[in-house]
């Protein structure tokens, strides 16, 4: 049993330059992960929710990609500006951010 209630995986995979699929790393996914960790810490939630870097989540064209478990909610095209909204709406209030959901 995990000590965390939720896990947030942020794809930070890096593909070779010129890859036709692109990659999340070239779209500032590392900044998203850093900001997510900082926001959780600021709100005193870093012991309940874990924000991890992830390898390739296989949806590079939709990146940056973020997935929240245990719900299995996938987000696409996430930017650092979306982090506070994801934390407040989804991680705190259990209401996924509809405009970012990858369906």
PDB file of N, CA and C in Angstrom:
ATOM      1  N   UNK A   1       0.848  -1.177   0.000  1.00  0.00           N
ATOM      2  CA  UNK A   1       0.000   0.000   0.000  1.00  0.00           C
ATOM      3  C   UNK A   1       0.893   1.239   0.000  1.00  0.00           C
ATOM      4  N   UNK A   2       0.617   2.147  -0.898  1.00  0.00           N
ATOM      5  CA  UNK A   2       1.398   3.372  -1.016  1.00  0.00           C
ATOM      6  C   UNK A   2       1.055   4.335   0.117  1.00  0.00           C
ATOM      7  N   UNK A   3       2.037   5.097   0.520  1.00  0.00           N
ATOM      8  CA  UNK A   3       1.765   6.115   1.538  1.00  0.00           C
ATOM      9  C   UNK A   3       1.159   7.369   0.926  1.00  0.00           C
ATOM     10  N   UNK A   4       1.138   7.438  -0.404  1.00  0.00           N
ATOM     11  CA  UNK A   4       0.573   8.592  -1.104  1.00  0.00           C
ATOM     12  C   UNK A   4      -0.838   8.284  -1.584  1.00  0.00           C
ATOM     13  N   UNK A   5      -1.724   9.251  -1.447  1.00  0.00           N
ATOM     14  CA  UNK A   5      -3.097   9.083  -1.932  1.00  0.00           C
ATOM     15  C   UNK A   5      -3.206   9.239  -3.431  1.00  0.00           C
ATOM     16  N   UNK A   6      -2.330  10.059  -3.995  1.00  0.00           N
ATOM     17  CA  UNK A   6      -2.315  10.283  -5.446  1.00  0.00           C
ATOM     18  C   UNK A   6      -0.870  10.349  -5.919  1.00  0.00           C
ATOM     19  N   UNK A   7      -0.698   9.961  -7.162  1.00  0.00           N
ATOM     20  CA  UNK A   7       0.590  10.086  -7.838  1.00  0.00           C
ATOM     21  C   UNK A   7       0.372  10.864  -9.125  1.00  0.00           C
ATOM     22  N   UNK A   8       1.238  11.823  -9.378  1.00  0.00           N
ATOM     23  CA  UNK A   8       1.190  12.606 -10.605  1.00  0.00           C
ATOM     24  C   UNK A   8       2.472  12.305 -11.367  1.00  0.00           C
ATOM     25  N   UNK A   9       2.316  11.788 -12.581  1.00  0.00           N
ATOM     26  CA  UNK A   9       3.472  11.471 -13.417  1.00  0.00           C
ATOM     27  C   UNK A   9       3.540  12.476 -14.558  1.00  0.00           C
ATOM     28  N   UNK A  10       4.677  13.143 -14.662  1.00  0.00           N
ATOM     29  CA  UNK A  10       4.905  14.147 -15.698  1.00  0.00           C
ATOM     30  C   UNK A  10       5.947  13.590 -16.655  1.00  0.00           C
ATOM     31  N   UNK A  11       5.570  13.422 -17.910  1.00  0.00           N
ATOM     32  CA  UNK A  11       6.505  12.881 -18.893  1.00  0.00           C
ATOM     33  C   UNK A  11       7.633  13.875 -19.135  1.00  0.00           C
ATOM     34  N   UNK A  12       8.860  13.411 -18.953  1.00  0.00           N
ATOM     35  CA  UNK A  12      10.047  14.232 -19.230  1.00  0.00           C
ATOM     36  C   UNK A  12      10.941  13.530 -20.246  1.00  0.00           C
ATOM     37  N   UNK A  13      10.343  12.624 -21.017  1.00  0.00           N
ATOM     38  CA  UNK A  13      11.107  11.867 -22.006  1.00  0.00           C
ATOM     39  C   UNK A  13      11.714  12.788 -23.060  1.00  0.00           C
ATOM     40  N   UNK A  14      12.916  12.443 -23.457  1.00  0.00           N
ATOM     41  CA  UNK A  14      13.619  13.224 -24.478  1.00  0.00           C
ATOM     42  C   UNK A  14      13.928  12.329 -25.673  1.00  0.00           C
ATOM     43  N   UNK A  15      13.465  12.750 -26.828  1.00  0.00           N
ATOM     44  CA  UNK A  15      13.741  12.046 -28.079  1.00  0.00           C
ATOM     45  C   UNK A  15      14.848  12.797 -28.817  1.00  0.00           C
ATOM     46  N   UNK A  16      15.475  12.129 -29.786  1.00  0.00           N
ATOM     47  CA  UNK A  16      16.511  12.808 -30.557  1.00  0.00           C
ATOM     48  C   UNK A  16      15.960  14.024 -31.301  1.00  0.00           C
ATOM     49  N   UNK A  17      16.793  15.016 -31.459  1.00  0.00           N
ATOM     50  CA  UNK A  17      16.416  16.223 -32.196  1.00  0.00           C
ATOM     51  C   UNK A  17      15.881  15.845 -33.573  1.00  0.00           C
ATOM     52  N   UNK A  18      14.793  16.466 -33.944  1.00  0.00           N
ATOM     53  CA  UNK A  18      14.204  16.217 -35.257  1.00  0.00           C
ATOM     54  C   UNK A  18      13.239  15.050 -35.292  1.00  0.00           C
ATOM     55  N   UNK A  19      13.000  14.415 -34.162  1.00  0.00           N
ATOM     56  CA  UNK A  19      12.060  13.297 -34.139  1.00  0.00           C
ATOM     57  C   UNK A  19      10.689  13.786 -34.599  1.00  0.00           C
ATOM     58  N   UNK A  20      10.062  13.067 -35.525  1.00  0.00           N
ATOM     59  CA  UNK A  20       8.762  13.514 -36.031  1.00  0.00           C
ATOM     60  C   UNK A  20       7.668  13.513 -34.967  1.00  0.00           C
ATOM     61  N   UNK A  21       7.845  12.745 -33.906  1.00  0.00           N
ATOM     62  CA  UNK A  21       6.838  12.701 -32.842  1.00  0.00           C
ATOM     63  C   UNK A  21       7.053  13.792 -31.799  1.00  0.00           C
ATOM     64  N   UNK A  22       8.200  14.453 -31.833  1.00  0.00           N
ATOM     65  CA  UNK A  22       8.501  15.445 -30.809  1.00  0.00           C
ATOM     66  C   UNK A  22       8.758  14.765 -29.474  1.00  0.00           C
ATOM     67  N   UNK A  23       8.842  15.547 -28.423  1.00  0.00           N
ATOM     68  CA  UNK A  23       9.005  14.971 -27.089  1.00  0.00           C
ATOM     69  C   UNK A  23       8.596  15.992 -26.035  1.00  0.00           C
ATOM     70  N   UNK A  24       8.185  15.476 -24.901  1.00  0.00           N
ATOM     71  CA  UNK A  24       7.728  16.339 -23.818  1.00  0.00           C
ATOM     72  C   UNK A  24       8.867  17.183 -23.234  1.00  0.00           C
ATOM     73  N   UNK A  25      10.079  16.625 -23.220  1.00  0.00           N
ATOM     74  CA  UNK A  25      11.214  17.364 -22.656  1.00  0.00           C
ATOM     75  C   UNK A  25      11.454  18.678 -23.387  1.00  0.00           C
ATOM     76  N   UNK A  26      11.216  18.702 -24.675  1.00  0.00           N
ATOM     77  CA  UNK A  26      11.417  19.927 -25.456  1.00  0.00           C
ATOM     78  C   UNK A  26      10.271  20.915 -25.299  1.00  0.00           C
ATOM     79  N   UNK A  27       9.282  20.547 -24.505  1.00  0.00           N
ATOM     80  CA  UNK A  27       8.129  21.419 -24.282  1.00  0.00           C
ATOM     81  C   UNK A  27       8.024  21.815 -22.807  1.00  0.00           C
ATOM     82  N   UNK A  28       9.175  21.923 -22.168  1.00  0.00           N
ATOM     83  CA  UNK A  28       9.277  22.411 -20.781  1.00  0.00           C
ATOM     84  C   UNK A  28       8.619  21.519 -19.734  1.00  0.00           C
ATOM     85  N   UNK A  29       8.616  20.211 -19.967  1.00  0.00           N
ATOM     86  CA  UNK A  29       7.998  19.312 -18.988  1.00  0.00           C
ATOM     87  C   UNK A  29       8.773  19.279 -17.673  1.00  0.00           C
ATOM     88  N   UNK A  30      10.076  19.483 -17.701  1.00  0.00           N
ATOM     89  CA  UNK A  30      10.848  19.526 -16.454  1.00  0.00           C
ATOM     90  C   UNK A  30      10.381  20.694 -15.584  1.00  0.00           C
ATOM     91  N   UNK A  31      10.077  21.814 -16.207  1.00  0.00           N
ATOM     92  CA  UNK A  31       9.557  22.980 -15.470  1.00  0.00           C
ATOM     93  C   UNK A  31       8.200  22.655 -14.843  1.00  0.00           C
ATOM     94  N   UNK A  32       7.366  21.902 -15.557  1.00  0.00           N
ATOM     95  CA  UNK A  32       6.062  21.501 -15.031  1.00  0.00           C
ATOM     96  C   UNK A  32       6.254  20.646 -13.784  1.00  0.00           C
ATOM     97  N   UNK A  33       7.159  19.697 -13.846  1.00  0.00           N
ATOM     98  CA  UNK A  33       7.401  18.806 -12.703  1.00  0.00           C
ATOM     99  C   UNK A  33       7.931  19.581 -11.502  1.00  0.00           C
ATOM    100  N   UNK A  34       8.856  20.477 -11.727  1.00  0.00           N
ATOM    101  CA  UNK A  34       9.412  21.294 -10.644  1.00  0.00           C
ATOM    102  C   UNK A  34       8.326  22.167 -10.015  1.00  0.00           C
ATOM    103  N   UNK A  35       7.522  22.786 -10.850  1.00  0.00           N
ATOM    104  CA  UNK A  35       6.454  23.653 -10.350  1.00  0.00           C
ATOM    105  C   UNK A  35       5.394  22.837  -9.607  1.00  0.00           C
ATOM    106  N   UNK A  36       5.079  21.637 -10.100  1.00  0.00           N
ATOM    107  CA  UNK A  36       4.095  20.779  -9.430  1.00  0.00           C
ATOM    108  C   UNK A  36       4.583  20.410  -8.030  1.00  0.00           C
ATOM    109  N   UNK A  37       5.838  20.000  -7.916  1.00  0.00           N
ATOM    110  CA  UNK A  37       6.396  19.658  -6.605  1.00  0.00           C
ATOM    111  C   UNK A  37       6.367  20.866  -5.667  1.00  0.00           C
ATOM    112  N   UNK A  38       6.736  22.018  -6.183  1.00  0.00           N
ATOM    113  CA  UNK A  38       6.760  23.239  -5.365  1.00  0.00           C
ATOM    114  C   UNK A  38       5.358  23.624  -4.905  1.00  0.00           C
ATOM    115  N   UNK A  39       4.385  23.504  -5.791  1.00  0.00           N
ATOM    116  CA  UNK A  39       3.006  23.858  -5.448  1.00  0.00           C
ATOM    117  C   UNK A  39       2.447  22.911  -4.380  1.00  0.00           C
ATOM    118  N   UNK A  40       2.743  21.636  -4.513  1.00  0.00           N
ATOM    119  CA  UNK A  40       2.291  20.668  -3.504  1.00  0.00           C
ATOM    120  C   UNK A  40       2.950  20.950  -2.154  1.00  0.00           C
ATOM    121  N   UNK A  41       4.222  21.270  -2.178  1.00  0.00           N
ATOM    122  CA  UNK A  41       4.942  21.584  -0.932  1.00  0.00           C
ATOM    123  C   UNK A  41       4.367  22.846  -0.293  1.00  0.00           C
ATOM    124  N   UNK A  42       4.134  23.875  -1.109  1.00  0.00           N
ATOM    125  CA  UNK A  42       3.598  25.145  -0.621  1.00  0.00           C
ATOM    126  C   UNK A  42       2.249  24.938   0.080  1.00  0.00           C
ATOM    127  N   UNK A  43       1.458  24.005  -0.430  1.00  0.00           N
ATOM    128  CA  UNK A  43       0.135  23.743   0.124  1.00  0.00           C
ATOM    129  C   UNK A  43       0.156  22.667   1.222  1.00  0.00           C
ATOM    130  N   UNK A  44       1.359  22.208   1.576  1.00  0.00           N
ATOM    131  CA  UNK A  44       1.483  21.209   2.624  1.00  0.00           C
ATOM    132  C   UNK A  44       0.968  19.835   2.226  1.00  0.00           C
ATOM    133  N   UNK A  45       1.025  19.525   0.949  1.00  0.00           N
ATOM    134  CA  UNK A  45       0.458  18.272   0.443  1.00  0.00           C
ATOM    135  C   UNK A  45       1.497  17.287  -0.077  1.00  0.00           C
ATOM    136  N   UNK A  46       2.771  17.616   0.060  1.00  0.00           N
ATOM    137  CA  UNK A  46       3.809  16.760  -0.526  1.00  0.00           C
ATOM    138  C   UNK A  46       3.939  15.408   0.172  1.00  0.00           C
ATOM    139  N   UNK A  47       3.317  15.246   1.324  1.00  0.00           N
ATOM    140  CA  UNK A  47       3.328  13.938   2.009  1.00  0.00           C
ATOM    141  C   UNK A  47       2.141  13.071   1.568  1.00  0.00           C
ATOM    142  N   UNK A  48       1.139  13.697   0.942  1.00  0.00           N
ATOM    143  CA  UNK A  48      -0.042  12.967   0.492  1.00  0.00           C
ATOM    144  C   UNK A  48      -0.067  12.728  -1.023  1.00  0.00           C
ATOM    145  N   UNK A  49       0.591  13.604  -1.765  1.00  0.00           N
ATOM    146  CA  UNK A  49       0.579  13.520  -3.230  1.00  0.00           C
ATOM    147  C   UNK A  49       2.010  13.570  -3.726  1.00  0.00           C
ATOM    148  N   UNK A  50       2.367  12.635  -4.581  1.00  0.00           N
ATOM    149  CA  UNK A  50       3.727  12.545  -5.117  1.00  0.00           C
ATOM    150  C   UNK A  50       3.729  12.973  -6.578  1.00  0.00           C
ATOM    151  N   UNK A  51       4.618  13.886  -6.940  1.00  0.00           N
ATOM    152  CA  UNK A  51       4.784  14.331  -8.325  1.00  0.00           C
ATOM    153  C   UNK A  51       6.119  13.804  -8.838  1.00  0.00           C
ATOM    154  N   UNK A  52       6.062  12.889  -9.787  1.00  0.00           N
ATOM    155  CA  UNK A  52       7.252  12.222 -10.309  1.00  0.00           C
ATOM    156  C   UNK A  52       7.503  12.550 -11.771  1.00  0.00           C
ATOM    157  N   UNK A  53       8.768  12.514 -12.139  1.00  0.00           N
ATOM    158  CA  UNK A  53       9.137  12.497 -13.551  1.00  0.00           C
ATOM    159  C   UNK A  53       8.768  11.117 -14.078  1.00  0.00           C
ATOM    160  N   UNK A  54       8.384  11.068 -15.323  1.00  0.00           N
ATOM    161  CA  UNK A  54       8.095   9.779 -15.955  1.00  0.00           C
ATOM    162  C   UNK A  54       8.862   9.698 -17.266  1.00  0.00           C
ATOM    163  N   UNK A  55       9.185   8.474 -17.629  1.00  0.00           N
ATOM    164  CA  UNK A  55       9.742   8.245 -18.955  1.00  0.00           C
ATOM    165  C   UNK A  55       8.615   8.408 -19.965  1.00  0.00           C
ATOM    166  N   UNK A  56       8.841   7.932 -21.149  1.00  0.00           N
ATOM    167  CA  UNK A  56       7.869   8.112 -22.227  1.00  0.00           C
ATOM    168  C   UNK A  56       6.517   7.509 -21.880  1.00  0.00           C
ATOM    169  N   UNK A  57       5.473   8.313 -22.018  1.00  0.00           N
ATOM    170  CA  UNK A  57       4.102   7.859 -21.824  1.00  0.00           C
ATOM    171  C   UNK A  57       3.435   7.569 -23.170  1.00  0.00           C
ATOM    172  N   UNK A  58       4.203   7.666 -24.246  1.00  0.00           N
ATOM    173  CA  UNK A  58       3.829   7.258 -25.602  1.00  0.00           C
ATOM    174  C   UNK A  58       2.770   8.123 -26.282  1.00  0.00           C
ATOM    175  N   UNK A  59       2.641   9.371 -25.862  1.00  0.00           N
ATOM    176  CA  UNK A  59       1.734  10.297 -26.529  1.00  0.00           C
ATOM    177  C   UNK A  59       2.465  11.614 -26.796  1.00  0.00           C
ATOM    178  N   UNK A  60       3.649  11.491 -27.340  1.00  0.00           N
ATOM    179  CA  UNK A  60       4.544  12.633 -27.537  1.00  0.00           C
ATOM    180  C   UNK A  60       3.897  13.784 -28.301  1.00  0.00           C
ATOM    181  N   UNK A  61       3.084  13.438 -29.296  1.00  0.00           N
ATOM    182  CA  UNK A  61       2.453  14.472 -30.128  1.00  0.00           C
ATOM    183  C   UNK A  61       1.451  15.310 -29.330  1.00  0.00           C
ATOM    184  N   UNK A  62       1.020  14.812 -28.192  1.00  0.00           N
ATOM    185  CA  UNK A  62       0.026  15.495 -27.364  1.00  0.00           C
ATOM    186  C   UNK A  62       0.653  16.221 -26.176  1.00  0.00           C
ATOM    187  N   UNK A  63       1.961  16.209 -26.087  1.00  0.00           N
ATOM    188  CA  UNK A  63       2.669  16.663 -24.903  1.00  0.00           C
ATOM    189  C   UNK A  63       2.677  18.145 -24.660  1.00  0.00           C
ATOM    190  N   UNK A  64       3.157  18.480 -23.488  1.00  0.00           N
ATOM    191  CA  UNK A  64       3.518  17.611 -22.386  1.00  0.00           C
ATOM    192  C   UNK A  64       2.311  16.862 -21.830  1.00  0.00           C
ATOM    193  N   UNK A  65       2.565  15.622 -21.455  1.00  0.00           N
ATOM    194  CA  UNK A  65       1.531  14.728 -20.940  1.00  0.00           C
ATOM    195  C   UNK A  65       1.741  14.528 -19.444  1.00  0.00           C
ATOM    196  N   UNK A  66       0.623  14.564 -18.710  1.00  0.00           N
ATOM    197  CA  UNK A  66       0.612  14.351 -17.269  1.00  0.00           C
ATOM    198  C   UNK A  66      -0.497  13.344 -16.978  1.00  0.00           C
ATOM    199  N   UNK A  67      -0.236  12.397 -16.088  1.00  0.00           N
ATOM    200  CA  UNK A  67      -1.267  11.431 -15.702  1.00  0.00           C
ATOM    201  C   UNK A  67      -1.361  11.387 -14.179  1.00  0.00           C
ATOM    202  N   UNK A  68      -2.604  11.341 -13.680  1.00  0.00           N
ATOM    203  CA  UNK A  68      -2.863  11.315 -12.241  1.00  0.00           C
ATOM    204  C   UNK A  68      -3.471   9.964 -11.878  1.00  0.00           C
ATOM    205  N   UNK A  69      -2.844   9.299 -10.907  1.00  0.00           N
ATOM    206  CA  UNK A  69      -3.358   8.033 -10.386  1.00  0.00           C
ATOM    207  C   UNK A  69      -3.684   8.221  -8.915  1.00  0.00           C
ATOM    208  N   UNK A  70      -4.702   7.537  -8.392  1.00  0.00           N
ATOM    209  CA  UNK A  70      -5.237   6.286  -8.899  1.00  0.00           C
ATOM    210  C   UNK A  70      -6.351   6.431  -9.930  1.00  0.00           C
ATOM    211  N   UNK A  71      -6.812   7.653 -10.209  1.00  0.00           N
ATOM    212  CA  UNK A  71      -7.930   7.823 -11.124  1.00  0.00           C
ATOM    213  C   UNK A  71      -7.611   7.412 -12.559  1.00  0.00           C
ATOM    214  N   UNK A  72      -6.346   7.597 -12.960  1.00  0.00           N
ATOM    215  CA  UNK A  72      -5.979   7.319 -14.340  1.00  0.00           C
ATOM    216  C   UNK A  72      -6.413   8.429 -15.277  1.00  0.00           C
ATOM    217  N   UNK A  73      -6.414   9.660 -14.788  1.00  0.00           N
ATOM    218  CA  UNK A  73      -6.775  10.819 -15.601  1.00  0.00           C
ATOM    219  C   UNK A  73      -5.545  11.303 -16.351  1.00  0.00           C
ATOM    220  N   UNK A  74      -5.660  11.374 -17.673  1.00  0.00           N
ATOM    221  CA  UNK A  74      -4.561  11.808 -18.536  1.00  0.00           C
ATOM    222  C   UNK A  74      -4.829  13.230 -19.012  1.00  0.00           C
ATOM    223  N   UNK A  75      -3.783  14.059 -18.928  1.00  0.00           N
ATOM    224  CA  UNK A  75      -3.846  15.427 -19.421  1.00  0.00           C
ATOM    225  C   UNK A  75      -2.863  15.585 -20.571  1.00  0.00           C
ATOM    226  N   UNK A  76      -3.237  16.415 -21.548  1.00  0.00           N
ATOM    227  CA  UNK A  76      -2.361  16.687 -22.687  1.00  0.00           C
ATOM    228  C   UNK A  76      -2.153  18.188 -22.832  1.00  0.00           C
ATOM    229  N   UNK A  77      -1.055  18.537 -23.473  1.00  0.00           N
ATOM    230  CA  UNK A  77      -0.765  19.946 -23.732  1.00  0.00           C
ATOM    231  C   UNK A  77      -0.660  20.786 -22.480  1.00  0.00           C
ATOM    232  N   UNK A  78      -0.171  20.198 -21.418  1.00  0.00           N
ATOM    233  CA  UNK A  78      -0.066  20.889 -20.132  1.00  0.00           C
ATOM    234  C   UNK A  78       1.093  21.884 -20.180  1.00  0.00           C
ATOM    235  N   UNK A  79       0.890  23.036 -19.569  1.00  0.00           N
ATOM    236  CA  UNK A  79       1.962  24.035 -19.447  1.00  0.00           C
ATOM    237  C   UNK A  79       2.176  24.319 -17.960  1.00  0.00           C
ATOM    238  N   UNK A  80       3.262  24.984 -17.655  1.00  0.00           N
ATOM    239  CA  UNK A  80       3.550  25.356 -16.268  1.00  0.00           C
ATOM    240  C   UNK A  80       2.434  26.236 -15.696  1.00  0.00           C
ATOM    241  N   UNK A  81       1.781  27.007 -16.557  1.00  0.00           N
ATOM    242  CA  UNK A  81       0.684  27.873 -16.116  1.00  0.00           C
ATOM    243  C   UNK A  81      -0.538  27.072 -15.682  1.00  0.00           C
ATOM    244  N   UNK A  82      -0.641  25.809 -16.088  1.00  0.00           N
ATOM    245  CA  UNK A  82      -1.782  24.961 -15.731  1.00  0.00           C
ATOM    246  C   UNK A  82      -1.619  24.265 -14.380  1.00  0.00           C
ATOM    247  N   UNK A  83      -0.438  24.285 -13.826  1.00  0.00           N
ATOM    248  CA  UNK A  83      -0.141  23.505 -12.622  1.00  0.00           C
ATOM    249  C   UNK A  83      -1.033  23.889 -11.453  1.00  0.00           C
ATOM    250  N   UNK A  84      -1.163  25.158 -11.139  1.00  0.00           N
ATOM    251  CA  UNK A  84      -1.977  25.579  -9.991  1.00  0.00           C
ATOM    252  C   UNK A  84      -3.423  25.131 -10.152  1.00  0.00           C
ATOM    253  N   UNK A  85      -3.946  25.217 -11.372  1.00  0.00           N
ATOM    254  CA  UNK A  85      -5.322  24.796 -11.623  1.00  0.00           C
ATOM    255  C   UNK A  85      -5.485  23.284 -11.427  1.00  0.00           C
ATOM    256  N   UNK A  86      -4.525  22.512 -11.902  1.00  0.00           N
ATOM    257  CA  UNK A  86      -4.586  21.057 -11.716  1.00  0.00           C
ATOM    258  C   UNK A  86      -4.531  20.712 -10.237  1.00  0.00           C
ATOM    259  N   UNK A  87      -3.640  21.362  -9.496  1.00  0.00           N
ATOM    260  CA  UNK A  87      -3.527  21.102  -8.062  1.00  0.00           C
ATOM    261  C   UNK A  87      -4.836  21.462  -7.354  1.00  0.00           C
ATOM    262  N   UNK A  88      -5.318  22.659  -7.573  1.00  0.00           N
ATOM    263  CA  UNK A  88      -6.528  23.130  -6.880  1.00  0.00           C
ATOM    264  C   UNK A  88      -7.761  22.316  -7.278  1.00  0.00           C
ATOM    265  N   UNK A  89      -8.005  22.214  -8.576  1.00  0.00           N
ATOM    266  CA  UNK A  89      -9.223  21.565  -9.049  1.00  0.00           C
ATOM    267  C   UNK A  89      -9.186  20.052  -8.883  1.00  0.00           C
ATOM    268  N   UNK A  90      -8.155  19.419  -9.405  1.00  0.00           N
ATOM    269  CA  UNK A  90      -8.126  17.957  -9.419  1.00  0.00           C
ATOM    270  C   UNK A  90      -7.563  17.359  -8.133  1.00  0.00           C
ATOM    271  N   UNK A  91      -6.383  17.775  -7.758  1.00  0.00           N
ATOM    272  CA  UNK A  91      -5.718  17.113  -6.640  1.00  0.00           C
ATOM    273  C   UNK A  91      -6.338  17.443  -5.286  1.00  0.00           C
ATOM    274  N   UNK A  92      -6.873  18.644  -5.131  1.00  0.00           N
ATOM    275  CA  UNK A  92      -7.498  19.021  -3.862  1.00  0.00           C
ATOM    276  C   UNK A  92      -9.011  18.746  -3.885  1.00  0.00           C
ATOM    277  N   UNK A  93      -9.690  19.185  -4.948  1.00  0.00           N
ATOM    278  CA  UNK A  93     -11.150  19.106  -4.996  1.00  0.00           C
ATOM    279  C   UNK A  93     -11.697  17.934  -5.802  1.00  0.00           C
ATOM    280  N   UNK A  94     -10.829  17.063  -6.298  1.00  0.00           N
ATOM    281  CA  UNK A  94     -11.238  15.879  -7.065  1.00  0.00           C
ATOM    282  C   UNK A  94     -12.111  16.200  -8.281  1.00  0.00           C
ATOM    283  N   UNK A  95     -11.849  17.356  -8.904  1.00  0.00           N
ATOM    284  CA  UNK A  95     -12.556  17.738 -10.123  1.00  0.00           C
ATOM    285  C   UNK A  95     -11.523  17.920 -11.234  1.00  0.00           C
ATOM    286  N   UNK A  96     -11.384  16.923 -12.113  1.00  0.00           N
ATOM    287  CA  UNK A  96     -10.400  17.026 -13.197  1.00  0.00           C
ATOM    288  C   UNK A  96     -10.596  18.297 -14.033  1.00  0.00           C
ATOM    289  N   UNK A  97      -9.512  18.773 -14.593  1.00  0.00           N
ATOM    290  CA  UNK A  97      -9.533  19.976 -15.430  1.00  0.00           C
ATOM    291  C   UNK A  97      -9.940  19.538 -16.838  1.00  0.00           C
ATOM    292  N   UNK A  98     -11.224  19.685 -17.136  1.00  0.00           N
ATOM    293  CA  UNK A  98     -11.817  19.162 -18.373  1.00  0.00           C
ATOM    294  C   UNK A  98     -11.102  19.624 -19.639  1.00  0.00           C
ATOM    295  N   UNK A  99     -10.709  20.883 -19.708  1.00  0.00           N
ATOM    296  CA  UNK A  99     -10.115  21.423 -20.942  1.00  0.00           C
ATOM    297  C   UNK A  99      -8.767  20.775 -21.281  1.00  0.00           C
ATOM    298  N   UNK A 100      -8.133  20.101 -20.322  1.00  0.00           N
ATOM    299  CA  UNK A 100      -6.835  19.481 -20.553  1.00  0.00           C
ATOM    300  C   UNK A 100      -6.908  17.969 -20.687  1.00  0.00           C
ATOM    301  N   UNK A 101      -8.065  17.377 -20.437  1.00  0.00           N
ATOM    302  CA  UNK A 101      -8.168  15.908 -20.432  1.00  0.00           C
ATOM    303  C   UNK A 101      -7.931  15.353 -21.832  1.00  0.00           C
ATOM    304  N   UNK A 102      -7.124  14.308 -21.856  1.00  0.00           N
ATOM    305  CA  UNK A 102      -6.802  13.583 -23.082  1.00  0.00           C
ATOM    306  C   UNK A 102      -7.792  12.432 -23.175  1.00  0.00           C
ATOM    307  N   UNK A 103      -8.723  12.547 -24.121  1.00  0.00           N
ATOM    308  CA  UNK A 103      -9.777  11.530 -24.264  1.00  0.00           C
ATOM    309  C   UNK A 103      -9.485  10.597 -25.405  1.00  0.00           C
TER     310      UNK A 103
END
